[in-house]
C-alpha atoms as a PDB file:
ATOM      1  CA  MET A   1       0.000   0.000   0.000  1.00  0.00           C
ATOM      2  CA  ILE A   2       1.180   3.495  -0.879  1.00  0.00           C
ATOM      3  CA  TYR A   3       0.556   4.860   2.632  1.00  0.00           C
ATOM      4  CA  GLU A   4       3.065   2.391   4.067  1.00  0.00           C
ATOM      5  CA  PHE A   5       5.799   4.182   2.102  1.00  0.00           C
ATOM      6  CA  LEU A   6       4.596   7.593   3.274  1.00  0.00           C
ATOM      7  CA  SER A   7       4.513   6.627   6.941  1.00  0.00           C
ATOM      8  CA  ILE A   8       7.235   7.375   9.518  1.00  0.00           C
ATOM      9  CA  LYS A   9       9.216   4.489  10.961  1.00  0.00           C
ATOM     10  CA  TRP A  10       9.696   5.296  14.643  1.00  0.00           C
ATOM     11  CA  ASP A  11      12.566   3.363  16.192  1.00  0.00           C
ATOM     12  CA  VAL A  12      13.914   5.819  18.784  1.00  0.00           C
ATOM     13  CA  SER A  13      15.423   4.449  21.992  1.00  0.00           C
ATOM     14  CA  PRO A  14      13.436   5.415  25.077  1.00  0.00           C
ATOM     15  CA  TYR A  15      16.682   5.768  27.034  1.00  0.00           C
ATOM     16  CA  ILE A  16      18.960   8.784  27.079  1.00  0.00           C
ATOM     17  CA  LEU A  17      21.614   6.720  28.863  1.00  0.00           C
ATOM     18  CA  ASP A  18      21.664   2.972  29.342  1.00  0.00           C
ATOM     19  CA  PHE A  19      24.392   1.478  31.496  1.00  0.00           C
ATOM     20  CA  GLY A  20      22.611  -1.846  31.801  1.00  0.00           C
ATOM     21  CA  PHE A  21      22.154  -1.671  35.567  1.00  0.00           C
ATOM     22  CA  LEU A  22      21.117   1.992  35.412  1.00  0.00           C
ATOM     23  CA  ARG A  23      18.809   3.571  32.836  1.00  0.00           C
ATOM     24  CA  PHE A  24      17.606   7.120  32.296  1.00  0.00           C
ATOM     25  CA  ARG A  25      14.531   7.605  30.135  1.00  0.00           C
ATOM     26  CA  TRP A  26      13.525  10.511  27.918  1.00  0.00           C
ATOM     27  CA  TYR A  27      10.184  10.317  29.691  1.00  0.00           C
ATOM     28  CA  SER A  28      11.833  11.088  33.030  1.00  0.00           C
ATOM     29  CA  LEU A  29      13.606  14.076  31.473  1.00  0.00           C
ATOM     30  CA  MET A  30      10.342  15.402  30.031  1.00  0.00           C
ATOM     31  CA  PHE A  31       8.683  14.969  33.422  1.00  0.00           C
ATOM     32  CA  ALA A  32      11.482  16.920  35.119  1.00  0.00           C
ATOM     33  CA  VAL A  33      11.462  19.680  32.485  1.00  0.00           C
ATOM     34  CA  SER A  34       7.695  20.092  32.789  1.00  0.00           C
ATOM     35  CA  PHE A  35       7.918  20.382  36.582  1.00  0.00           C
ATOM     36  CA  ILE A  36      10.785  22.906  36.520  1.00  0.00           C
ATOM     37  CA  LEU A  37       9.188  25.071  33.816  1.00  0.00           C
ATOM     38  CA  GLY A  38       5.857  24.958  35.627  1.00  0.00           C
ATOM     39  CA  MET A  39       7.403  26.200  38.845  1.00  0.00           C
ATOM     40  CA  ILE A  40       9.229  28.995  36.991  1.00  0.00           C
ATOM     41  CA  ILE A  41       5.991  30.144  35.352  1.00  0.00           C
ATOM     42  CA  PHE A  42       4.129  29.996  38.657  1.00  0.00           C
ATOM     43  CA  ARG A  43       6.840  32.087  40.325  1.00  0.00           C
ATOM     44  CA  LYS A  44       6.527  34.681  37.547  1.00  0.00           C
ATOM     45  CA  MET A  45       2.801  34.851  38.239  1.00  0.00           C
ATOM     46  CA  ILE A  46       3.447  35.415  41.948  1.00  0.00           C
ATOM     47  CA  GLU A  47       5.908  38.192  41.170  1.00  0.00           C
ATOM     48  CA  ARG A  48       3.575  39.748  38.611  1.00  0.00           C
ATOM     49  CA  GLU A  49       0.775  39.963  41.172  1.00  0.00           C
ATOM     50  CA  HIS A  50       3.130  41.196  43.906  1.00  0.00           C
ATOM     51  CA  LYS A  51       2.300  38.247  46.148  1.00  0.00           C
ATOM     52  CA  PRO A  52       4.758  36.993  48.819  1.00  0.00           C
ATOM     53  CA  LEU A  53       7.281  34.513  47.424  1.00  0.00           C
ATOM     54  CA  THR A  54       6.525  32.194  50.323  1.00  0.00           C
ATOM     55  CA  LEU A  55       3.518  31.095  48.241  1.00  0.00           C
ATOM     56  CA  TRP A  56       5.968  29.732  45.684  1.00  0.00           C
ATOM     57  CA  ASP A  57       8.246  28.124  48.249  1.00  0.00           C
ATOM     58  CA  ASN A  58       5.412  26.348  50.045  1.00  0.00           C
ATOM     59  CA  ILE A  59       3.747  24.934  46.927  1.00  0.00           C
ATOM     60  CA  LEU A  60       6.669  22.819  45.691  1.00  0.00           C
ATOM     61  CA  VAL A  61       6.212  19.869  48.017  1.00  0.00           C
ATOM     62  CA  PRO A  62       2.394  19.409  47.796  1.00  0.00           C
ATOM     63  CA  VAL A  63       2.432  19.739  43.984  1.00  0.00           C
ATOM     64  CA  PHE A  64       5.315  17.292  43.539  1.00  0.00           C
ATOM     65  CA  LEU A  65       3.933  14.730  45.963  1.00  0.00           C
ATOM     66  CA  GLY A  66       0.393  15.118  44.629  1.00  0.00           C
ATOM     67  CA  THR A  67       1.622  14.641  41.055  1.00  0.00           C
ATOM     68  CA  PHE A  68       3.887  11.684  41.730  1.00  0.00           C
ATOM     69  CA  LEU A  69       1.736   9.769  44.198  1.00  0.00           C
ATOM     70  CA  GLY A  70      -1.499  10.428  42.308  1.00  0.00           C
ATOM     71  CA  ALA A  71      -0.036   9.502  38.914  1.00  0.00           C
ATOM     72  CA  ARG A  72       1.545   6.299  40.171  1.00  0.00           C
ATOM     73  CA  LEU A  73      -1.450   5.171  42.223  1.00  0.00           C
ATOM     74  CA  GLY A  74      -3.790   6.072  39.380  1.00  0.00           C
ATOM     75  CA  HIS A  75      -1.901   3.923  36.879  1.00  0.00           C
ATOM     76  CA  CYS A  76      -1.665   0.931  39.204  1.00  0.00           C
ATOM     77  CA  LEU A  77      -5.222   1.035  40.567  1.00  0.00           C
ATOM     78  CA  PHE A  78      -7.124   2.287  37.497  1.00  0.00           C
ATOM     79  CA  TYR A  79      -5.434   0.146  34.836  1.00  0.00           C
ATOM     80  CA  HIS A  80      -3.874  -2.833  36.650  1.00  0.00           C
ATOM     81  CA  PRO A  81      -5.854  -3.354  39.863  1.00  0.00           C
ATOM     82  CA  ASP A  82      -5.821  -7.140  39.491  1.00  0.00           C
ATOM     83  CA  TYR A  83      -2.050  -7.186  39.993  1.00  0.00           C
ATOM     84  CA  PHE A  84      -1.254  -4.208  42.225  1.00  0.00           C
ATOM     85  CA  ILE A  85      -4.006  -4.607  44.810  1.00  0.00           C
ATOM     86  CA  PRO A  86      -2.575  -7.932  46.022  1.00  0.00           C
ATOM     87  CA  HIS A  87       0.996  -6.610  45.402  1.00  0.00           C
ATOM     88  CA  PHE A  88       0.462  -3.095  46.740  1.00  0.00           C
ATOM     89  CA  TRP A  89       4.018  -2.834  48.060  1.00  0.00           C
ATOM     90  CA  GLU A  90       5.412  -3.011  44.489  1.00  0.00           C
ATOM     91  CA  ILE A  91       3.772   0.265  43.446  1.00  0.00           C
ATOM     92  CA  PHE A  92       6.698   2.339  44.695  1.00  0.00           C
ATOM     93  CA  ILE A  93       9.613   0.028  43.903  1.00  0.00           C
ATOM     94  CA  PRO A  94      11.718   1.565  41.088  1.00  0.00           C
ATOM     95  CA  PHE A  95      13.349  -1.733  40.063  1.00  0.00           C
ATOM     96  CA  SER A  96      12.378  -4.374  37.546  1.00  0.00           C
ATOM     97  CA  ASN A  97      14.257  -7.667  37.158  1.00  0.00           C
ATOM     98  CA  GLY A  98      17.125  -6.294  39.250  1.00  0.00           C
ATOM     99  CA  LYS A  99      17.483  -3.114  37.126  1.00  0.00           C
ATOM    100  CA  PHE A 100      16.690   0.452  38.077  1.00  0.00           C
ATOM    101  CA  THR A 101      14.032   1.601  35.615  1.00  0.00           C
ATOM    102  CA  GLY A 102      12.292   4.382  37.526  1.00  0.00           C
ATOM    103  CA  PHE A 103       8.595   4.255  38.296  1.00  0.00           C
ATOM    104  CA  GLU A 104       7.298   3.035  34.943  1.00  0.00           C
ATOM    105  CA  GLY A 105       3.602   3.590  34.494  1.00  0.00           C
ATOM    106  CA  VAL A 106       1.758   6.744  35.526  1.00  0.00           C
ATOM    107  CA  ALA A 107      -1.759   8.029  34.830  1.00  0.00           C
ATOM    108  CA  SER A 108      -2.659  11.649  34.157  1.00  0.00           C
ATOM    109  CA  HIS A 109      -6.079  11.313  35.786  1.00  0.00           C
ATOM    110  CA  GLY A 110      -4.459  10.061  38.972  1.00  0.00           C
ATOM    111  CA  ALA A 111      -2.038  12.999  38.831  1.00  0.00           C
ATOM    112  CA  ALA A 112      -4.986  15.400  38.458  1.00  0.00           C
ATOM    113  CA  ILE A 113      -6.685  13.966  41.556  1.00  0.00           C
ATOM    114  CA  GLY A 114      -3.427  14.038  43.506  1.00  0.00           C
ATOM    115  CA  ILE A 115      -2.753  17.669  42.572  1.00  0.00           C
ATOM    116  CA  LEU A 116      -6.290  18.714  43.552  1.00  0.00           C
ATOM    117  CA  LEU A 117      -5.865  17.112  46.967  1.00  0.00           C
ATOM    118  CA  GLY A 118      -2.367  18.510  47.434  1.00  0.00           C
ATOM    119  CA  LEU A 119      -3.462  22.036  46.528  1.00  0.00           C
ATOM    120  CA  TYR A 120      -6.471  21.814  48.825  1.00  0.00           C
ATOM    121  CA  TYR A 121      -4.101  21.110  51.704  1.00  0.00           C
ATOM    122  CA  TYR A 122      -1.855  23.932  50.503  1.00  0.00           C
ATOM    123  CA  SER A 123      -4.719  26.440  50.287  1.00  0.00           C
ATOM    124  CA  ARG A 124      -5.943  25.607  53.784  1.00  0.00           C
ATOM    125  CA  LYS A 125      -2.494  25.780  55.336  1.00  0.00           C
ATOM    126  CA  ASN A 126      -1.498  29.033  53.639  1.00  0.00           C
ATOM    127  CA  LYS A 127      -4.981  30.597  53.729  1.00  0.00           C
ATOM    128  CA  VAL A 128      -5.045  31.099  49.955  1.00  0.00           C
ATOM    129  CA  PRO A 129      -8.380  30.877  48.049  1.00  0.00           C
ATOM    130  CA  TYR A 130      -8.578  27.399  46.512  1.00  0.00           C
ATOM    131  CA  LEU A 131      -9.906  28.540  43.123  1.00  0.00           C
ATOM    132  CA  TRP A 132      -7.329  31.333  42.968  1.00  0.00           C
ATOM    133  CA  ILE A 133      -4.465  28.875  43.230  1.00  0.00           C
ATOM    134  CA  LEU A 134      -6.091  26.370  40.862  1.00  0.00           C
ATOM    135  CA  ASP A 135      -6.517  29.037  38.183  1.00  0.00           C
ATOM    136  CA  ARG A 136      -2.783  29.591  38.122  1.00  0.00           C
ATOM    137  CA  ILE A 137      -1.431  26.090  38.597  1.00  0.00           C
ATOM    138  CA  VAL A 138      -3.561  24.499  35.841  1.00  0.00           C
ATOM    139  CA  ILE A 139      -1.873  26.772  33.293  1.00  0.00           C
ATOM    140  CA  THR A 140       1.424  25.102  34.116  1.00  0.00           C
ATOM    141  CA  ILE A 141      -0.233  21.664  34.140  1.00  0.00           C
ATOM    142  CA  ALA A 142      -1.450  22.142  30.568  1.00  0.00           C
ATOM    143  CA  LEU A 143       2.146  22.850  29.521  1.00  0.00           C
ATOM    144  CA  ALA A 144       3.322  19.820  31.489  1.00  0.00           C
ATOM    145  CA  GLY A 145       0.847  17.694  29.540  1.00  0.00           C
ATOM    146  CA  PHE A 146       2.627  18.707  26.343  1.00  0.00           C
ATOM    147  CA  PHE A 147       6.010  17.470  27.622  1.00  0.00           C
ATOM    148  CA  ILE A 148       4.582  14.285  29.131  1.00  0.00           C
ATOM    149  CA  ARG A 149       3.049  13.256  25.810  1.00  0.00           C
ATOM    150  CA  ILE A 150       6.364  13.900  24.055  1.00  0.00           C
ATOM    151  CA  GLY A 151       7.845  11.540  26.637  1.00  0.00           C
ATOM    152  CA  ASN A 152       5.205   8.962  25.702  1.00  0.00           C
ATOM    153  CA  LEU A 153       6.233   9.341  22.067  1.00  0.00           C
ATOM    154  CA  MET A 154       9.865   8.668  22.981  1.00  0.00           C
ATOM    155  CA  ASN A 155       8.672   5.559  24.836  1.00  0.00           C
ATOM    156  CA  SER A 156       6.700   4.421  21.750  1.00  0.00           C
ATOM    157  CA  GLU A 157       3.608   4.002  23.943  1.00  0.00           C
ATOM    158  CA  ILE A 158      -0.041   5.100  24.120  1.00  0.00           C
ATOM    159  CA  TYR A 159      -0.472   5.271  20.340  1.00  0.00           C
ATOM    160  CA  GLY A 160      -3.549   4.830  18.200  1.00  0.00           C
ATOM    161  CA  HIS A 161      -5.212   2.465  15.771  1.00  0.00           C
ATOM    162  CA  ALA A 162      -3.969   1.764  12.264  1.00  0.00           C
ATOM    163  CA  THR A 163      -4.264   4.672   9.857  1.00  0.00           C
ATOM    164  CA  SER A 164      -3.752   5.372   6.161  1.00  0.00           C
ATOM    165  CA  LEU A 165      -2.834   9.000   6.815  1.00  0.00           C
ATOM    166  CA  PRO A 166       0.660   9.978   5.587  1.00  0.00           C
ATOM    167  CA  TRP A 167       1.805  10.968   9.101  1.00  0.00           C
ATOM    168  CA  GLY A 168       1.137   7.550  10.601  1.00  0.00           C
ATOM    169  CA  PHE A 169       3.960   6.136  12.733  1.00  0.00           C
ATOM    170  CA  VAL A 170       5.217   2.571  12.550  1.00  0.00           C
ATOM    171  CA  PHE A 171       6.345   1.871  16.113  1.00  0.00           C
ATOM    172  CA  VAL A 172       9.106  -0.586  15.372  1.00  0.00           C
ATOM    173  CA  ARG A 173      10.074  -1.186  19.006  1.00  0.00           C
ATOM    174  CA  HIS A 174       6.601  -2.557  19.675  1.00  0.00           C
ATOM    175  CA  HIS A 175       6.910  -4.836  16.641  1.00  0.00           C
ATOM    176  CA  GLU A 176       4.278  -2.917  14.705  1.00  0.00           C
ATOM    177  CA  THR A 177       4.259  -3.334  10.937  1.00  0.00           C
ATOM    178  CA  VAL A 178       1.514  -0.908   9.914  1.00  0.00           C
ATOM    179  CA  PRO A 179       1.251   2.852  10.538  1.00  0.00           C
ATOM    180  CA  LYS A 180      -0.643   3.902  13.656  1.00  0.00           C
ATOM    181  CA  HIS A 181      -2.092   7.240  14.744  1.00  0.00           C
ATOM    182  CA  PRO A 182       0.602   9.169  16.690  1.00  0.00           C
ATOM    183  CA  THR A 183      -1.946  10.141  19.323  1.00  0.00           C
ATOM    184  CA  GLN A 184       0.872  11.329  21.594  1.00  0.00           C
ATOM    185  CA  ILE A 185       1.506  14.162  19.116  1.00  0.00           C
ATOM    186  CA  TYR A 186      -2.206  14.912  18.780  1.00  0.00           C
ATOM    187  CA  GLU A 187      -2.542  15.304  22.531  1.00  0.00           C
ATOM    188  CA  ALA A 188       0.716  17.227  22.884  1.00  0.00           C
ATOM    189  CA  LEU A 189      -0.417  19.827  20.334  1.00  0.00           C
ATOM    190  CA  CYS A 190      -3.843  20.109  21.992  1.00  0.00           C
ATOM    191  CA  TYR A 191      -2.293  20.650  25.416  1.00  0.00           C
ATOM    192  CA  LEU A 192       0.147  23.246  24.075  1.00  0.00           C
ATOM    193  CA  THR A 193      -2.751  25.137  22.467  1.00  0.00           C
ATOM    194  CA  ILE A 194      -4.739  24.964  25.721  1.00  0.00           C
ATOM    195  CA  PHE A 195      -1.719  26.297  27.640  1.00  0.00           C
ATOM    196  CA  ILE A 196      -1.459  29.314  25.315  1.00  0.00           C
ATOM    197  CA  PHE A 197      -5.214  29.958  25.514  1.00  0.00           C
ATOM    198  CA  LEU A 198      -5.338  29.781  29.321  1.00  0.00           C
ATOM    199  CA  TYR A 199      -2.250  31.941  29.705  1.00  0.00           C
ATOM    200  CA  LEU A 200      -3.750  34.617  27.476  1.00  0.00           C
ATOM    201  CA  ILE A 201      -6.893  34.578  29.630  1.00  0.00           C
ATOM    202  CA  TYR A 202      -4.709  34.985  32.709  1.00  0.00           C
ATOM    203  CA  LEU A 203      -2.947  37.989  31.184  1.00  0.00           C
ATOM    204  CA  LYS A 204      -6.272  39.694  30.506  1.00  0.00           C
ATOM    205  CA  LYS A 205      -6.323  42.777  32.718  1.00  0.00           C
ATOM    206  CA  ARG A 206      -9.656  44.616  32.593  1.00  0.00           C
ATOM    207  CA  PRO A 207     -12.073  43.437  33.644  1.00  0.00           C
ATOM    208  CA  PRO A 208     -10.364  40.433  35.297  1.00  0.00           C
ATOM    209  CA  PHE A 209     -12.009  37.016  35.231  1.00  0.00           C
ATOM    210  CA  ARG A 210     -13.553  35.675  38.418  1.00  0.00           C
ATOM    211  CA  ASP A 211     -11.628  33.000  40.360  1.00  0.00           C
ATOM    212  CA  GLY A 212     -12.428  29.576  38.939  1.00  0.00           C
ATOM    213  CA  VAL A 213     -13.015  30.565  35.309  1.00  0.00           C
ATOM    214  CA  ILE A 214      -9.577  29.450  34.110  1.00  0.00           C
ATOM    215  CA  PHE A 215      -9.853  26.224  36.097  1.00  0.00           C
ATOM    216  CA  SER A 216     -13.256  25.415  34.599  1.00  0.00           C
ATOM    217  CA  PHE A 217     -11.956  26.048  31.060  1.00  0.00           C
ATOM    218  CA  PHE A 218      -9.016  23.785  31.844  1.00  0.00           C
ATOM    219  CA  LEU A 219     -11.237  20.898  32.931  1.00  0.00           C
ATOM    220  CA  ILE A 220     -13.519  21.207  29.907  1.00  0.00           C
ATOM    221  CA  LEU A 221     -10.842  21.719  27.247  1.00  0.00           C
ATOM    222  CA  LEU A 222      -8.069  19.417  28.408  1.00  0.00           C
ATOM    223  CA  PHE A 223     -10.180  16.444  29.419  1.00  0.00           C
ATOM    224  CA  GLY A 224     -12.538  17.082  26.515  1.00  0.00           C
ATOM    225  CA  ALA A 225      -9.585  16.772  24.148  1.00  0.00           C
ATOM    226  CA  ARG A 226      -8.463  13.661  25.995  1.00  0.00           C
ATOM    227  CA  PHE A 227     -11.946  12.138  25.707  1.00  0.00           C
ATOM    228  CA  CYS A 228     -12.074  12.700  21.932  1.00  0.00           C
ATOM    229  CA  ILE A 229      -8.548  11.491  21.168  1.00  0.00           C
ATOM    230  CA  GLU A 230      -9.170   8.309  23.161  1.00  0.00           C
ATOM    231  CA  PHE A 231     -11.413   7.117  20.300  1.00  0.00           C
ATOM    232  CA  LEU A 232      -8.258   6.816  18.176  1.00  0.00           C
ATOM    233  CA  LYS A 233      -6.164   5.009  20.799  1.00  0.00           C
ATOM    234  CA  GLU A 234      -5.554   1.368  21.353  1.00  0.00           C
ATOM    235  CA  VAL A 235      -6.673   0.118  24.768  1.00  0.00           C
ATOM    236  CA  GLN A 236      -4.041   0.096  27.521  1.00  0.00           C
ATOM    237  CA  ALA A 237      -5.524  -2.760  29.546  1.00  0.00           C
ATOM    238  CA  GLY A 238      -7.283  -5.919  28.401  1.00  0.00           C
ATOM    239  CA  PHE A 239     -10.456  -5.325  30.408  1.00  0.00           C
ATOM    240  CA  GLU A 240     -11.109  -2.103  28.425  1.00  0.00           C
ATOM    241  CA  GLU A 241     -11.951  -4.109  25.303  1.00  0.00           C
ATOM    242  CA  LYS A 242     -15.279  -5.091  26.880  1.00  0.00           C
ATOM    243  CA  LEU A 243     -16.209  -1.509  27.829  1.00  0.00           C
ATOM    244  CA  PRO A 244     -18.169   0.886  25.584  1.00  0.00           C
ATOM    245  CA  LEU A 245     -15.624   3.576  26.497  1.00  0.00           C
ATOM    246  CA  ASP A 246     -12.062   3.075  27.657  1.00  0.00           C
ATOM    247  CA  MET A 247     -10.847   3.911  31.158  1.00  0.00           C
ATOM    248  CA  GLY A 248      -9.399   7.264  30.100  1.00  0.00           C
ATOM    249  CA  GLN A 249     -12.797   8.357  28.813  1.00  0.00           C
ATOM    250  CA  TRP A 250     -14.689   7.176  31.897  1.00  0.00           C
ATOM    251  CA  LEU A 251     -12.267   9.090  34.111  1.00  0.00           C
ATOM    252  CA  SER A 252     -12.540  12.207  31.939  1.00  0.00           C
ATOM    253  CA  ILE A 253     -16.345  12.436  32.057  1.00  0.00           C
ATOM    254  CA  PRO A 254     -16.694  13.538  35.736  1.00  0.00           C
ATOM    255  CA  LEU A 255     -13.899  16.096  35.305  1.00  0.00           C
ATOM    256  CA  ILE A 256     -15.529  17.577  32.200  1.00  0.00           C
ATOM    257  CA  ALA A 257     -18.880  17.668  34.010  1.00  0.00           C
ATOM    258  CA  ALA A 258     -17.280  19.392  37.013  1.00  0.00           C
ATOM    259  CA  GLY A 259     -15.861  22.018  34.658  1.00  0.00           C
ATOM    260  CA  PHE A 260     -19.287  22.755  33.149  1.00  0.00           C
ATOM    261  CA  VAL A 261     -20.980  22.900  36.561  1.00  0.00           C
ATOM    262  CA  LEU A 262     -18.367  25.322  37.891  1.00  0.00           C
ATOM    263  CA  LEU A 263     -18.515  27.468  34.757  1.00  0.00           C
ATOM    264  CA  MET A 264     -22.320  27.705  34.881  1.00  0.00           C
ATOM    265  CA  SER A 265     -22.274  28.699  38.544  1.00  0.00           C
ATOM    266  CA  LEU A 266     -19.710  31.402  37.797  1.00  0.00           C
ATOM    267  CA  TYR A 267     -21.696  32.546  34.745  1.00  0.00           C
ATOM    268  CA  LYS A 268     -24.678  33.313  36.966  1.00  0.00           C
ATOM    269  CA  LYS A 269     -22.477  35.596  39.074  1.00  0.00           C
ATOM    270  CA  GLY A 270     -20.717  37.078  36.054  1.00  0.00           C
ATOM    271  CA  LEU A 271     -17.533  35.652  34.565  1.00  0.00           C
ATOM    272  CA  THR A 272     -15.655  38.891  35.063  1.00  0.00           C
ATOM    273  CA  VAL A 273     -15.246  40.939  38.203  1.00  0.00           C
ATOM    274  CA  THR A 274     -16.504  44.476  37.772  1.00  0.00           C
ATOM    275  CA  PRO A 275     -14.143  46.809  39.588  1.00  0.00           C
ATOM    276  CA  PRO A 276     -15.787  49.221  42.034  1.00  0.00           C
ATOM    277  CA  PRO A 277     -16.413  52.695  40.616  1.00  0.00           C
ATOM    278  CA  PRO A 278     -13.798  55.271  41.582  1.00  0.00           C
ATOM    279  CA  PRO A 279     -14.784  57.598  44.428  1.00  0.00           C
ATOM    280  CA  PRO A 280     -16.281  60.885  43.297  1.00  0.00           C
ATOM    281  CA  GLU A 281     -13.843  63.729  43.027  1.00  0.00           C
ATOM    282  CA  PRO A 282     -14.278  66.436  45.664  1.00  0.00           C
ATOM    283  CA  LYS A 283     -15.941  69.576  44.404  1.00  0.00           C
ATOM    284  CA  PRO A 284     -13.612  72.548  44.124  1.00  0.00           C
ATOM    285  CA  VAL A 285     -14.112  75.140  46.830  1.00  0.00           C
ATOM    286  CA  LYS A 286     -15.101  78.489  45.416  1.00  0.00           C
ATOM    287  CA  LYS A 287     -13.173  81.432  46.764  1.00  0.00           C
ATOM    288  CA  GLN A 288     -15.300  84.301  47.997  1.00  0.00           C
ATOM    289  CA  ALA A 289     -14.739  87.506  46.138  1.00  0.00           C
ATOM    290  CA  LYS A 290     -13.312  90.351  48.221  1.00  0.00           C
ATOM    291  CA  LEU A 291     -15.455  93.423  48.667  1.00  0.00           C
ATOM    292  CA  LYS A 292     -14.151  96.754  47.481  1.00  0.00           C
ATOM    293  CA  GLY A 293     -12.645  98.811  50.216  1.00  0.00           C
ATOM    294  CA  ASP A 294     -12.257  95.781  52.454  1.00  0.00           C
ATOM    295  CA  ARG A 295      -8.728  96.252  53.658  1.00  0.00           C
ATOM    296  CA  ARG A 296      -7.178  94.752  56.645  1.00  0.00           C
ATOM    297  CA  ARG A 297      -4.973  96.971  58.696  1.00  0.00           C
END
C-alpha cells in the first residue's frame, strides 16, 4: 500500500543513557522539564501579582507529591488493579528484574486527583483561596501535559489504531508493521494550544475574570480533548476491550462535568469581576470675592 511508504518508521530508543544496571529515560527528562518550567511560570505569576514569594516556596512539596503519588497510584489502581491490589508494596519500587528503571507507568487522571488534593491542603495551610491557586497552577499543568506526551512518544507508547494518513507512525520497538495514529503528538499539540489559551486569559487585565473561570476552562478543554482522542487510541488494559468507552474516557467524564458545573455557577455571578467605581472627586471650593474697600490693617 502506498501509505506504508509515506509513513514514519519510529525506532527511537526510550533511554537517554543505558548502562545496563542503570537507565535514564527521555520520559523522566520530560517529566522533570515540565515540573521545573511549571514552577518557573508559577513564580513569575506570583511576582507579577506582587504576592509573597513564600507562596511559591510552600507549593513545591504538595504539587510534587500530589503529582507523583497520584499519577503512580492512578496507573496501578485504574489500569492494573488485578495485579497491584494484592501486590500493593510493588507500586513504589523503582526496580524491575534487578534493574533500576524508575517508576514506569503513571496516569494523568491520577495525577490530576493528587494535585487537587495537594493544593487543597496547601490552600488551607497558607490561607489562599482554593480557586485562585487552581486558576494559576492548571496553566502550568497544561504545559506539562505537552512534555509528558512527548515523553510517551519517545517511549513508543499510548499510540492509536492503524491509519492510512501519511503521518502515521510505525512503532518498530513494539513490533508494529503498519502505521498507527501518533496520538501522543495529537494530545501534545492540543495541550500546548490549551496552555497558550489559558495563559492569554490569565494575562487579561480589565475586567479580570472571576476566580475559577480558568480552572473550569481547563477541565472542559483538556479532558474534553483527551476524551475525543481516546477514540483513536488502542486500549491500555485488556479489560477495556469489553467496555463501551475506555478507562481514560470514563475518568474524563466527571472532570468535564465538574468544569461545566463550575462554569455555569460562575456565569450566573458574572464571569468577570466588575471593579468598584472610583470615588467621586471632591468639588472645588469656590473662593469668595473680596469686597471693594475691604482692607485689613
